[in-house]
Amino acid sequence: MNSQTVGLRVAAVVFGFVCLAQLMRLALRVEVVAAGHAVPLWASAVAAVVLGGLSVWMWKLATNGARS
Protein backbone atom coordinates (compact mmCIF):
# COMPACT_ATOMS: atom_id res chain seq x y z
CA MET A 1 0.00 0.00 0.00
CA ASN A 2 1.53 3.30 -1.07
CA SER A 3 1.32 6.63 0.72
CA GLN A 4 -1.37 7.97 -1.63
CA THR A 5 -3.67 5.05 -0.78
CA VAL A 6 -3.05 5.55 2.93
CA GLY A 7 -3.77 9.27 2.60
CA LEU A 8 -7.04 8.65 0.77
CA ARG A 9 -8.15 6.13 3.38
CA VAL A 10 -7.27 8.47 6.25
CA ALA A 11 -9.25 11.26 4.55
CA ALA A 12 -12.19 8.88 4.05
CA VAL A 13 -12.20 7.94 7.74
CA VAL A 14 -11.96 11.58 8.86
CA PHE A 15 -14.84 12.58 6.56
CA GLY A 16 -16.80 9.59 7.86
CA PHE A 17 -16.32 10.60 11.50
CA VAL A 18 -17.38 14.19 10.83
CA CYS A 19 -20.41 12.86 8.92
CA LEU A 20 -21.32 10.75 11.96
CA ALA A 21 -20.94 13.80 14.20
CA GLN A 22 -23.37 15.74 12.00
CA LEU A 23 -25.84 12.84 12.09
CA MET A 24 -25.55 12.71 15.90
CA ARG A 25 -26.31 16.44 16.03
CA LEU A 26 -29.43 15.81 13.97
CA ALA A 27 -30.53 12.85 16.11
CA LEU A 28 -29.92 14.62 19.42
CA ARG A 29 -31.11 18.01 18.14
CA VAL A 30 -28.11 19.82 19.63
CA GLU A 31 -28.24 23.60 19.30
CA VAL A 32 -25.07 25.21 17.96
CA VAL A 33 -24.37 28.93 18.18
CA ALA A 34 -21.60 30.48 16.08
CA ALA A 35 -20.78 34.17 16.41
CA GLY A 36 -24.06 34.74 18.21
CA HIS A 37 -26.21 33.13 15.52
CA ALA A 38 -27.96 29.75 15.85
CA VAL A 39 -26.93 27.24 13.18
CA PRO A 40 -30.06 25.52 11.80
CA LEU A 41 -30.39 21.74 11.83
CA TRP A 42 -30.87 21.56 8.07
CA ALA A 43 -27.26 22.70 7.67
CA SER A 44 -26.15 19.53 9.45
CA ALA A 45 -28.29 17.44 7.12
CA VAL A 46 -26.62 19.01 4.08
CA ALA A 47 -23.19 18.61 5.68
CA ALA A 48 -23.87 14.94 6.47
CA VAL A 49 -24.81 14.19 2.86
CA VAL A 50 -21.77 16.02 1.47
CA LEU A 51 -19.35 14.51 3.97
CA GLY A 52 -20.78 11.03 3.52
CA GLY A 53 -20.38 11.36 -0.23
CA LEU A 54 -16.80 12.54 0.14
CA SER A 55 -16.02 9.68 2.48
CA VAL A 56 -17.35 7.04 0.09
CA TRP A 57 -15.64 8.71 -2.87
CA MET A 58 -12.25 8.81 -1.13
CA TRP A 59 -12.57 5.18 -0.03
CA LYS A 60 -13.41 4.07 -3.58
CA LEU A 61 -10.47 6.04 -4.97
CA ALA A 62 -8.15 4.35 -2.47
CA THR A 63 -9.55 0.92 -3.34
CA ASN A 64 -9.29 1.45 -7.11
CA GLY A 65 -5.79 2.89 -6.75
CA ALA A 66 -4.63 -0.12 -4.76
CA ARG A 67 -5.71 -2.46 -7.59
CA SER A 68 -3.71 -0.59 -10.25
PDB file of N, CA and C in Angstrom:
ATOM      1  N   MET A   1       0.861  -1.177   0.000  1.00  0.00           N
ATOM      2  CA  MET A   1       0.000   0.000   0.000  1.00  0.00           C
ATOM      3  C   MET A   1       0.903   1.234   0.000  1.00  0.00           C
ATOM      4  N   ASN A   2       0.697   2.102  -0.986  1.00  0.00           N
ATOM      5  CA  ASN A   2       1.534   3.299  -1.073  1.00  0.00           C
ATOM      6  C   ASN A   2       0.964   4.440  -0.231  1.00  0.00           C
ATOM      7  N   SER A   3       1.727   5.521  -0.142  1.00  0.00           N
ATOM      8  CA  SER A   3       1.325   6.634   0.722  1.00  0.00           C
ATOM      9  C   SER A   3       0.064   7.339   0.217  1.00  0.00           C
ATOM     10  N   GLN A   4      -0.160   7.339  -1.103  1.00  0.00           N
ATOM     11  CA  GLN A   4      -1.369   7.973  -1.631  1.00  0.00           C
ATOM     12  C   GLN A   4      -2.617   7.194  -1.193  1.00  0.00           C
ATOM     13  N   THR A   5      -2.546   5.873  -1.219  1.00  0.00           N
ATOM     14  CA  THR A   5      -3.667   5.051  -0.781  1.00  0.00           C
ATOM     15  C   THR A   5      -3.943   5.260   0.704  1.00  0.00           C
ATOM     16  N   VAL A   6      -2.887   5.315   1.486  1.00  0.00           N
ATOM     17  CA  VAL A   6      -3.050   5.547   2.927  1.00  0.00           C
ATOM     18  C   VAL A   6      -3.682   6.914   3.167  1.00  0.00           C
ATOM     19  N   GLY A   7      -3.213   7.930   2.445  1.00  0.00           N
ATOM     20  CA  GLY A   7      -3.768   9.275   2.600  1.00  0.00           C
ATOM     21  C   GLY A   7      -5.239   9.342   2.247  1.00  0.00           C
ATOM     22  N   LEU A   8      -5.626   8.669   1.163  1.00  0.00           N
ATOM     23  CA  LEU A   8      -7.038   8.655   0.774  1.00  0.00           C
ATOM     24  C   LEU A   8      -7.898   7.942   1.814  1.00  0.00           C
ATOM     25  N   ARG A   9      -7.376   6.848   2.362  1.00  0.00           N
ATOM     26  CA  ARG A   9      -8.153   6.126   3.383  1.00  0.00           C
ATOM     27  C   ARG A   9      -8.271   6.927   4.669  1.00  0.00           C
ATOM     28  N   VAL A  10      -7.203   7.613   5.054  1.00  0.00           N
ATOM     29  CA  VAL A  10      -7.272   8.469   6.250  1.00  0.00           C
ATOM     30  C   VAL A  10      -8.295   9.577   6.032  1.00  0.00           C
ATOM     31  N   ALA A  11      -8.275  10.205   4.861  1.00  0.00           N
ATOM     32  CA  ALA A  11      -9.246  11.259   4.553  1.00  0.00           C
ATOM     33  C   ALA A  11     -10.665  10.701   4.589  1.00  0.00           C
ATOM     34  N   ALA A  12     -10.858   9.498   4.051  1.00  0.00           N
ATOM     35  CA  ALA A  12     -12.191   8.881   4.054  1.00  0.00           C
ATOM     36  C   ALA A  12     -12.681   8.648   5.475  1.00  0.00           C
ATOM     37  N   VAL A  13     -11.803   8.187   6.337  1.00  0.00           N
ATOM     38  CA  VAL A  13     -12.199   7.937   7.736  1.00  0.00           C
ATOM     39  C   VAL A  13     -12.520   9.251   8.455  1.00  0.00           C
ATOM     40  N   VAL A  14     -11.709  10.281   8.225  1.00  0.00           N
ATOM     41  CA  VAL A  14     -11.964  11.577   8.864  1.00  0.00           C
ATOM     42  C   VAL A  14     -13.308  12.146   8.392  1.00  0.00           C
ATOM     43  N   PHE A  15     -13.546  12.121   7.069  1.00  0.00           N
ATOM     44  CA  PHE A  15     -14.838  12.584   6.557  1.00  0.00           C
ATOM     45  C   PHE A  15     -15.980  11.762   7.145  1.00  0.00           C
ATOM     46  N   GLY A  16     -15.771  10.452   7.290  1.00  0.00           N
ATOM     47  CA  GLY A  16     -16.800   9.589   7.864  1.00  0.00           C
ATOM     48  C   GLY A  16     -17.125   9.948   9.300  1.00  0.00           C
ATOM     49  N   PHE A  17     -16.094  10.223  10.105  1.00  0.00           N
ATOM     50  CA  PHE A  17     -16.317  10.602  11.504  1.00  0.00           C
ATOM     51  C   PHE A  17     -17.060  11.936  11.617  1.00  0.00           C
ATOM     52  N   VAL A  18     -16.688  12.892  10.787  1.00  0.00           N
ATOM     53  CA  VAL A  18     -17.376  14.190  10.830  1.00  0.00           C
ATOM     54  C   VAL A  18     -18.823  14.035  10.360  1.00  0.00           C
ATOM     55  N   CYS A  19     -19.047  13.157   9.371  1.00  0.00           N
ATOM     56  CA  CYS A  19     -20.413  12.858   8.922  1.00  0.00           C
ATOM     57  C   CYS A  19     -21.226  12.270  10.070  1.00  0.00           C
ATOM     58  N   LEU A  20     -20.631  11.334  10.802  1.00  0.00           N
ATOM     59  CA  LEU A  20     -21.325  10.750  11.955  1.00  0.00           C
ATOM     60  C   LEU A  20     -21.619  11.799  13.025  1.00  0.00           C
ATOM     61  N   ALA A  21     -20.697  12.728  13.230  1.00  0.00           N
ATOM     62  CA  ALA A  21     -20.936  13.802  14.204  1.00  0.00           C
ATOM     63  C   ALA A  21     -22.129  14.661  13.780  1.00  0.00           C
ATOM     64  N   GLN A  22     -22.238  14.958  12.484  1.00  0.00           N
ATOM     65  CA  GLN A  22     -23.371  15.740  11.995  1.00  0.00           C
ATOM     66  C   GLN A  22     -24.679  14.969  12.173  1.00  0.00           C
ATOM     67  N   LEU A  23     -24.640  13.658  11.907  1.00  0.00           N
ATOM     68  CA  LEU A  23     -25.838  12.836  12.093  1.00  0.00           C
ATOM     69  C   LEU A  23     -26.237  12.763  13.562  1.00  0.00           C
ATOM     70  N   MET A  24     -25.247  12.714  14.452  1.00  0.00           N
ATOM     71  CA  MET A  24     -25.552  12.708  15.896  1.00  0.00           C
ATOM     72  C   MET A  24     -26.189  14.042  16.304  1.00  0.00           C
ATOM     73  N   ARG A  25     -25.695  15.141  15.725  1.00  0.00           N
ATOM     74  CA  ARG A  25     -26.307  16.442  16.026  1.00  0.00           C
ATOM     75  C   ARG A  25     -27.770  16.463  15.600  1.00  0.00           C
ATOM     76  N   LEU A  26     -28.043  15.872  14.437  1.00  0.00           N
ATOM     77  CA  LEU A  26     -29.429  15.806  13.973  1.00  0.00           C
ATOM     78  C   LEU A  26     -30.290  14.942  14.897  1.00  0.00           C
ATOM     79  N   ALA A  27     -29.763  13.785  15.274  1.00  0.00           N
ATOM     80  CA  ALA A  27     -30.535  12.854  16.106  1.00  0.00           C
ATOM     81  C   ALA A  27     -30.798  13.425  17.497  1.00  0.00           C
ATOM     82  N   LEU A  28     -29.793  14.094  18.064  1.00  0.00           N
ATOM     83  CA  LEU A  28     -29.923  14.618  19.424  1.00  0.00           C
ATOM     84  C   LEU A  28     -30.456  16.046  19.458  1.00  0.00           C
ATOM     85  N   ARG A  29     -30.600  16.648  18.265  1.00  0.00           N
ATOM     86  CA  ARG A  29     -31.111  18.012  18.140  1.00  0.00           C
ATOM     87  C   ARG A  29     -30.319  19.003  18.999  1.00  0.00           C
ATOM     88  N   VAL A  30     -28.997  18.943  18.884  1.00  0.00           N
ATOM     89  CA  VAL A  30     -28.110  19.823  19.634  1.00  0.00           C
ATOM     90  C   VAL A  30     -28.122  21.206  18.986  1.00  0.00           C
ATOM     91  N   GLU A  31     -28.252  22.236  19.817  1.00  0.00           N
ATOM     92  CA  GLU A  31     -28.241  23.602  19.304  1.00  0.00           C
ATOM     93  C   GLU A  31     -26.807  24.110  19.263  1.00  0.00           C
ATOM     94  N   VAL A  32     -26.411  24.666  18.137  1.00  0.00           N
ATOM     95  CA  VAL A  32     -25.065  25.211  17.957  1.00  0.00           C
ATOM     96  C   VAL A  32     -25.198  26.697  17.682  1.00  0.00           C
ATOM     97  N   VAL A  33     -24.383  27.490  18.373  1.00  0.00           N
ATOM     98  CA  VAL A  33     -24.371  28.934  18.178  1.00  0.00           C
ATOM     99  C   VAL A  33     -22.968  29.337  17.736  1.00  0.00           C
ATOM    100  N   ALA A  34     -22.884  29.996  16.595  1.00  0.00           N
ATOM    101  CA  ALA A  34     -21.604  30.476  16.077  1.00  0.00           C
ATOM    102  C   ALA A  34     -21.697  31.979  15.870  1.00  0.00           C
ATOM    103  N   ALA A  35     -20.805  32.700  16.505  1.00  0.00           N
ATOM    104  CA  ALA A  35     -20.775  34.166  16.414  1.00  0.00           C
ATOM    105  C   ALA A  35     -22.124  34.783  16.772  1.00  0.00           C
ATOM    106  N   GLY A  36     -22.801  34.194  17.748  1.00  0.00           N
ATOM    107  CA  GLY A  36     -24.065  34.737  18.214  1.00  0.00           C
ATOM    108  C   GLY A  36     -25.280  34.351  17.391  1.00  0.00           C
ATOM    109  N   HIS A  37     -25.098  33.549  16.363  1.00  0.00           N
ATOM    110  CA  HIS A  37     -26.210  33.125  15.515  1.00  0.00           C
ATOM    111  C   HIS A  37     -26.409  31.614  15.641  1.00  0.00           C
ATOM    112  N   ALA A  38     -27.655  31.185  15.767  1.00  0.00           N
ATOM    113  CA  ALA A  38     -27.960  29.750  15.853  1.00  0.00           C
ATOM    114  C   ALA A  38     -27.804  29.110  14.474  1.00  0.00           C
ATOM    115  N   VAL A  39     -27.110  27.987  14.435  1.00  0.00           N
ATOM    116  CA  VAL A  39     -26.926  27.245  13.182  1.00  0.00           C
ATOM    117  C   VAL A  39     -28.114  26.291  13.044  1.00  0.00           C
ATOM    118  N   PRO A  40     -28.870  26.375  11.947  1.00  0.00           N
ATOM    119  CA  PRO A  40     -30.059  25.525  11.801  1.00  0.00           C
ATOM    120  C   PRO A  40     -29.692  24.051  11.607  1.00  0.00           C
ATOM    121  N   LEU A  41     -30.628  23.176  11.958  1.00  0.00           N
ATOM    122  CA  LEU A  41     -30.386  21.741  11.830  1.00  0.00           C
ATOM    123  C   LEU A  41     -30.267  21.299  10.379  1.00  0.00           C
ATOM    124  N   TRP A  42     -30.946  21.979   9.470  1.00  0.00           N
ATOM    125  CA  TRP A  42     -30.869  21.561   8.073  1.00  0.00           C
ATOM    126  C   TRP A  42     -29.442  21.676   7.537  1.00  0.00           C
ATOM    127  N   ALA A  43     -28.653  22.571   8.097  1.00  0.00           N
ATOM    128  CA  ALA A  43     -27.257  22.701   7.666  1.00  0.00           C
ATOM    129  C   ALA A  43     -26.474  21.430   7.990  1.00  0.00           C
ATOM    130  N   SER A  44     -26.802  20.796   9.105  1.00  0.00           N
ATOM    131  CA  SER A  44     -26.148  19.535   9.449  1.00  0.00           C
ATOM    132  C   SER A  44     -26.582  18.414   8.515  1.00  0.00           C
ATOM    133  N   ALA A  45     -27.819  18.452   8.065  1.00  0.00           N
ATOM    134  CA  ALA A  45     -28.287  17.436   7.121  1.00  0.00           C
ATOM    135  C   ALA A  45     -27.534  17.562   5.795  1.00  0.00           C
ATOM    136  N   VAL A  46     -27.375  18.789   5.324  1.00  0.00           N
ATOM    137  CA  VAL A  46     -26.623  19.014   4.081  1.00  0.00           C
ATOM    138  C   VAL A  46     -25.170  18.595   4.273  1.00  0.00           C
ATOM    139  N   ALA A  47     -24.581  18.967   5.402  1.00  0.00           N
ATOM    140  CA  ALA A  47     -23.187  18.614   5.679  1.00  0.00           C
ATOM    141  C   ALA A  47     -23.011  17.100   5.757  1.00  0.00           C
ATOM    142  N   ALA A  48     -23.963  16.400   6.360  1.00  0.00           N
ATOM    143  CA  ALA A  48     -23.867  14.941   6.470  1.00  0.00           C
ATOM    144  C   ALA A  48     -23.892  14.280   5.096  1.00  0.00           C
ATOM    145  N   VAL A  49     -24.744  14.761   4.212  1.00  0.00           N
ATOM    146  CA  VAL A  49     -24.813  14.192   2.857  1.00  0.00           C
ATOM    147  C   VAL A  49     -23.510  14.452   2.104  1.00  0.00           C
ATOM    148  N   VAL A  50     -23.014  15.676   2.179  1.00  0.00           N
ATOM    149  CA  VAL A  50     -21.775  16.017   1.468  1.00  0.00           C
ATOM    150  C   VAL A  50     -20.593  15.234   2.036  1.00  0.00           C
ATOM    151  N   LEU A  51     -20.469  15.205   3.350  1.00  0.00           N
ATOM    152  CA  LEU A  51     -19.347  14.509   3.974  1.00  0.00           C
ATOM    153  C   LEU A  51     -19.422  13.004   3.761  1.00  0.00           C
ATOM    154  N   GLY A  52     -20.629  12.450   3.807  1.00  0.00           N
ATOM    155  CA  GLY A  52     -20.781  11.026   3.524  1.00  0.00           C
ATOM    156  C   GLY A  52     -20.376  10.691   2.101  1.00  0.00           C
ATOM    157  N   GLY A  53     -20.774  11.552   1.166  1.00  0.00           N
ATOM    158  CA  GLY A  53     -20.382  11.355  -0.228  1.00  0.00           C
ATOM    159  C   GLY A  53     -18.877  11.440  -0.417  1.00  0.00           C
ATOM    160  N   LEU A  54     -18.251  12.413   0.223  1.00  0.00           N
ATOM    161  CA  LEU A  54     -16.798  12.540   0.138  1.00  0.00           C
ATOM    162  C   LEU A  54     -16.092  11.333   0.742  1.00  0.00           C
ATOM    163  N   SER A  55     -16.617  10.839   1.842  1.00  0.00           N
ATOM    164  CA  SER A  55     -16.016   9.678   2.485  1.00  0.00           C
ATOM    165  C   SER A  55     -16.057   8.447   1.580  1.00  0.00           C
ATOM    166  N   VAL A  56     -17.214   8.193   0.998  1.00  0.00           N
ATOM    167  CA  VAL A  56     -17.353   7.045   0.094  1.00  0.00           C
ATOM    168  C   VAL A  56     -16.472   7.220  -1.136  1.00  0.00           C
ATOM    169  N   TRP A  57     -16.441   8.431  -1.671  1.00  0.00           N
ATOM    170  CA  TRP A  57     -15.640   8.709  -2.865  1.00  0.00           C
ATOM    171  C   TRP A  57     -14.150   8.474  -2.595  1.00  0.00           C
ATOM    172  N   MET A  58     -13.659   8.987  -1.470  1.00  0.00           N
ATOM    173  CA  MET A  58     -12.247   8.805  -1.133  1.00  0.00           C
ATOM    174  C   MET A  58     -11.918   7.326  -0.926  1.00  0.00           C
ATOM    175  N   TRP A  59     -12.817   6.601  -0.271  1.00  0.00           N
ATOM    176  CA  TRP A  59     -12.566   5.176  -0.030  1.00  0.00           C
ATOM    177  C   TRP A  59     -12.507   4.409  -1.350  1.00  0.00           C
ATOM    178  N   LYS A  60     -13.419   4.741  -2.265  1.00  0.00           N
ATOM    179  CA  LYS A  60     -13.415   4.075  -3.577  1.00  0.00           C
ATOM    180  C   LYS A  60     -12.151   4.412  -4.359  1.00  0.00           C
ATOM    181  N   LEU A  61     -11.707   5.666  -4.296  1.00  0.00           N
ATOM    182  CA  LEU A  61     -10.473   6.042  -4.966  1.00  0.00           C
ATOM    183  C   LEU A  61      -9.286   5.265  -4.403  1.00  0.00           C
ATOM    184  N   ALA A  62      -9.253   5.096  -3.092  1.00  0.00           N
ATOM    185  CA  ALA A  62      -8.149   4.353  -2.470  1.00  0.00           C
ATOM    186  C   ALA A  62      -8.201   2.886  -2.878  1.00  0.00           C
ATOM    187  N   THR A  63      -9.401   2.334  -2.967  1.00  0.00           N
ATOM    188  CA  THR A  63      -9.550   0.917  -3.341  1.00  0.00           C
ATOM    189  C   THR A  63      -9.176   0.702  -4.799  1.00  0.00           C
ATOM    190  N   ASN A  64      -9.629   1.583  -5.683  1.00  0.00           N
ATOM    191  CA  ASN A  64      -9.294   1.455  -7.115  1.00  0.00           C
ATOM    192  C   ASN A  64      -7.817   1.694  -7.362  1.00  0.00           C
ATOM    193  N   GLY A  65      -7.209   2.609  -6.609  1.00  0.00           N
ATOM    194  CA  GLY A  65      -5.794   2.887  -6.754  1.00  0.00           C
ATOM    195  C   GLY A  65      -4.922   1.744  -6.284  1.00  0.00           C
ATOM    196  N   ALA A  66      -5.396   1.005  -5.289  1.00  0.00           N
ATOM    197  CA  ALA A  66      -4.627  -0.123  -4.761  1.00  0.00           C
ATOM    198  C   ALA A  66      -4.609  -1.267  -5.765  1.00  0.00           C
ATOM    199  N   ARG A  67      -5.642  -1.390  -6.589  1.00  0.00           N
ATOM    200  CA  ARG A  67      -5.710  -2.457  -7.593  1.00  0.00           C
ATOM    201  C   ARG A  67      -4.778  -2.203  -8.765  1.00  0.00           C
ATOM    202  N   SER A  68      -4.538  -0.929  -9.064  1.00  0.00           N
ATOM    203  CA  SER A  68      -3.713  -0.588 -10.247  1.00  0.00           C
ATOM    204  C   SER A  68      -2.266  -0.962 -10.061  1.00  0.00           C
TER     205      SER A  68
END
